């Protein structure tokens, strides 16, 4: 993710405004989304829109998934792989994920 596309400036503005719960929720969303994308990139062998000989799979869009936390619900984008071998089946069931 390039710095100009990053939601970090919005998070810093929320911190300055004293919007604590929203800041925590947004920070958790940012970290979780980056971890999901990193796992997908590592497993597939290529980043989004990247073409390499090491690629073992492909991305087939995203599916939204609700993550429930003590700071509130967070909507995450879960990459849909061309094959489901690397992604937990739990990511595709309809029950919300829960943390805390």
C-alpha atoms as a PDB file:
ATOM      1  CA  UNK A   1       0.000   0.000   0.000  1.00  0.00           C
ATOM      2  CA  UNK A   2       1.487   3.331  -1.034  1.00  0.00           C
ATOM      3  CA  UNK A   3       1.632   6.080   1.574  1.00  0.00           C
ATOM      4  CA  UNK A   4      -0.672   8.359  -0.441  1.00  0.00           C
ATOM      5  CA  UNK A   5      -3.339   5.585  -0.439  1.00  0.00           C
ATOM      6  CA  UNK A   6      -2.893   4.855   3.255  1.00  0.00           C
ATOM      7  CA  UNK A   7      -5.630   5.652   5.780  1.00  0.00           C
ATOM      8  CA  UNK A   8      -2.939   6.711   8.272  1.00  0.00           C
ATOM      9  CA  UNK A   9      -3.600  10.462   7.838  1.00  0.00           C
ATOM     10  CA  UNK A  10      -7.274   9.863   8.708  1.00  0.00           C
ATOM     11  CA  UNK A  11      -6.249   7.872  11.796  1.00  0.00           C
ATOM     12  CA  UNK A  12      -3.936  10.656  12.924  1.00  0.00           C
ATOM     13  CA  UNK A  13      -6.725  13.219  12.456  1.00  0.00           C
ATOM     14  CA  UNK A  14      -9.062  11.054  14.567  1.00  0.00           C
ATOM     15  CA  UNK A  15      -6.390  10.789  17.271  1.00  0.00           C
ATOM     16  CA  UNK A  16      -5.965  14.558  17.336  1.00  0.00           C
ATOM     17  CA  UNK A  17      -9.762  15.000  17.564  1.00  0.00           C
ATOM     18  CA  UNK A  18      -9.909  12.647  20.568  1.00  0.00           C
ATOM     19  CA  UNK A  19     -12.170  10.105  18.858  1.00  0.00           C
ATOM     20  CA  UNK A  20     -10.726   7.131  20.782  1.00  0.00           C
ATOM     21  CA  UNK A  21     -13.147   4.284  20.033  1.00  0.00           C
ATOM     22  CA  UNK A  22     -13.276   5.051  16.321  1.00  0.00           C
ATOM     23  CA  UNK A  23      -9.499   5.365  16.283  1.00  0.00           C
ATOM     24  CA  UNK A  24      -9.086   1.945  17.868  1.00  0.00           C
ATOM     25  CA  UNK A  25     -11.610   0.392  15.490  1.00  0.00           C
ATOM     26  CA  UNK A  26      -9.922   1.971  12.463  1.00  0.00           C
ATOM     27  CA  UNK A  27      -6.460   0.942  13.663  1.00  0.00           C
ATOM     28  CA  UNK A  28      -7.598  -2.663  14.176  1.00  0.00           C
ATOM     29  CA  UNK A  29      -9.195  -2.649  10.716  1.00  0.00           C
ATOM     30  CA  UNK A  30      -6.012  -1.275   9.140  1.00  0.00           C
ATOM     31  CA  UNK A  31      -3.736  -3.832  10.828  1.00  0.00           C
ATOM     32  CA  UNK A  32      -6.053  -6.786  10.194  1.00  0.00           C
ATOM     33  CA  UNK A  33      -6.557  -5.840   6.534  1.00  0.00           C
ATOM     34  CA  UNK A  34      -2.818  -5.515   5.971  1.00  0.00           C
ATOM     35  CA  UNK A  35      -2.195  -8.906   7.607  1.00  0.00           C
ATOM     36  CA  UNK A  36      -4.862 -10.513   5.415  1.00  0.00           C
ATOM     37  CA  UNK A  37      -3.336  -8.985   2.276  1.00  0.00           C
ATOM     38  CA  UNK A  38       0.187 -10.028   3.321  1.00  0.00           C
ATOM     39  CA  UNK A  39      -0.944 -13.608   3.913  1.00  0.00           C
ATOM     40  CA  UNK A  40      -2.645 -13.698   0.527  1.00  0.00           C
ATOM     41  CA  UNK A  41       0.429 -12.262  -1.206  1.00  0.00           C
ATOM     42  CA  UNK A  42       2.772 -14.695   0.539  1.00  0.00           C
ATOM     43  CA  UNK A  43       0.604 -17.702  -0.218  1.00  0.00           C
ATOM     44  CA  UNK A  44      -0.129 -16.787  -3.828  1.00  0.00           C
ATOM     45  CA  UNK A  45       3.470 -15.818  -4.537  1.00  0.00           C
ATOM     46  CA  UNK A  46       2.577 -12.417  -6.020  1.00  0.00           C
ATOM     47  CA  UNK A  47       1.020  -9.133  -4.941  1.00  0.00           C
ATOM     48  CA  UNK A  48      -2.137  -7.625  -6.351  1.00  0.00           C
ATOM     49  CA  UNK A  49      -1.825  -7.135 -10.128  1.00  0.00           C
ATOM     50  CA  UNK A  50       1.722  -8.557 -10.019  1.00  0.00           C
ATOM     51  CA  UNK A  51       2.782 -11.147 -12.586  1.00  0.00           C
ATOM     52  CA  UNK A  52       5.580 -13.503 -11.587  1.00  0.00           C
ATOM     53  CA  UNK A  53       6.748 -17.019 -12.390  1.00  0.00           C
ATOM     54  CA  UNK A  54       6.490 -17.818  -8.658  1.00  0.00           C
ATOM     55  CA  UNK A  55       2.716 -17.306  -8.668  1.00  0.00           C
ATOM     56  CA  UNK A  56       0.918 -20.433  -7.405  1.00  0.00           C
ATOM     57  CA  UNK A  57      -2.646 -19.119  -7.431  1.00  0.00           C
ATOM     58  CA  UNK A  58      -4.636 -16.023  -8.311  1.00  0.00           C
ATOM     59  CA  UNK A  59      -7.009 -13.602  -6.660  1.00  0.00           C
ATOM     60  CA  UNK A  60     -10.659 -13.630  -7.607  1.00  0.00           C
ATOM     61  CA  UNK A  61     -11.932 -10.428  -5.973  1.00  0.00           C
ATOM     62  CA  UNK A  62     -12.851  -9.847  -2.323  1.00  0.00           C
ATOM     63  CA  UNK A  63     -15.651 -10.853   0.005  1.00  0.00           C
ATOM     64  CA  UNK A  64     -16.622  -8.620   2.907  1.00  0.00           C
ATOM     65  CA  UNK A  65     -16.513 -10.169   6.349  1.00  0.00           C
ATOM     66  CA  UNK A  66     -17.668  -8.703   9.652  1.00  0.00           C
ATOM     67  CA  UNK A  67     -15.260  -8.851  12.591  1.00  0.00           C
ATOM     68  CA  UNK A  68     -16.809  -8.111  16.012  1.00  0.00           C
ATOM     69  CA  UNK A  69     -14.495  -6.492  18.557  1.00  0.00           C
ATOM     70  CA  UNK A  70     -14.992  -4.706  21.879  1.00  0.00           C
ATOM     71  CA  UNK A  71     -14.475  -1.449  19.975  1.00  0.00           C
ATOM     72  CA  UNK A  72     -17.309  -2.330  17.579  1.00  0.00           C
ATOM     73  CA  UNK A  73     -17.823  -4.178  14.329  1.00  0.00           C
ATOM     74  CA  UNK A  74     -15.181  -3.951  11.621  1.00  0.00           C
ATOM     75  CA  UNK A  75     -15.769  -4.810   7.981  1.00  0.00           C
ATOM     76  CA  UNK A  76     -12.812  -6.578   6.357  1.00  0.00           C
ATOM     77  CA  UNK A  77     -12.204  -7.484   2.718  1.00  0.00           C
ATOM     78  CA  UNK A  78     -11.181 -11.134   2.443  1.00  0.00           C
ATOM     79  CA  UNK A  79      -9.435 -12.028  -0.841  1.00  0.00           C
ATOM     80  CA  UNK A  80     -11.143 -14.829  -2.739  1.00  0.00           C
ATOM     81  CA  UNK A  81      -8.513 -17.167  -4.181  1.00  0.00           C
ATOM     82  CA  UNK A  82      -8.843 -18.976  -7.478  1.00  0.00           C
ATOM     83  CA  UNK A  83      -8.676 -22.167  -5.391  1.00  0.00           C
ATOM     84  CA  UNK A  84      -9.585 -22.414  -1.716  1.00  0.00           C
ATOM     85  CA  UNK A  85      -6.563 -24.429  -0.573  1.00  0.00           C
ATOM     86  CA  UNK A  86      -4.751 -21.594   1.279  1.00  0.00           C
ATOM     87  CA  UNK A  87      -7.711 -19.868   2.904  1.00  0.00           C
ATOM     88  CA  UNK A  88      -9.501 -21.102   5.992  1.00  0.00           C
ATOM     89  CA  UNK A  89     -13.057 -22.225   5.315  1.00  0.00           C
ATOM     90  CA  UNK A  90     -14.056 -20.128   8.331  1.00  0.00           C
ATOM     91  CA  UNK A  91     -13.469 -16.985   6.279  1.00  0.00           C
ATOM     92  CA  UNK A  92     -16.345 -17.971   4.020  1.00  0.00           C
ATOM     93  CA  UNK A  93     -19.027 -18.899   6.546  1.00  0.00           C
ATOM     94  CA  UNK A  94     -21.693 -16.321   7.452  1.00  0.00           C
ATOM     95  CA  UNK A  95     -21.105 -16.085  11.223  1.00  0.00           C
ATOM     96  CA  UNK A  96     -19.253 -12.937  12.295  1.00  0.00           C
ATOM     97  CA  UNK A  97     -15.704 -13.343  13.581  1.00  0.00           C
ATOM     98  CA  UNK A  98     -15.171 -12.288  17.196  1.00  0.00           C
ATOM     99  CA  UNK A  99     -12.153 -10.884  19.016  1.00  0.00           C
ATOM    100  CA  UNK A 100     -12.128 -10.243  22.770  1.00  0.00           C
END
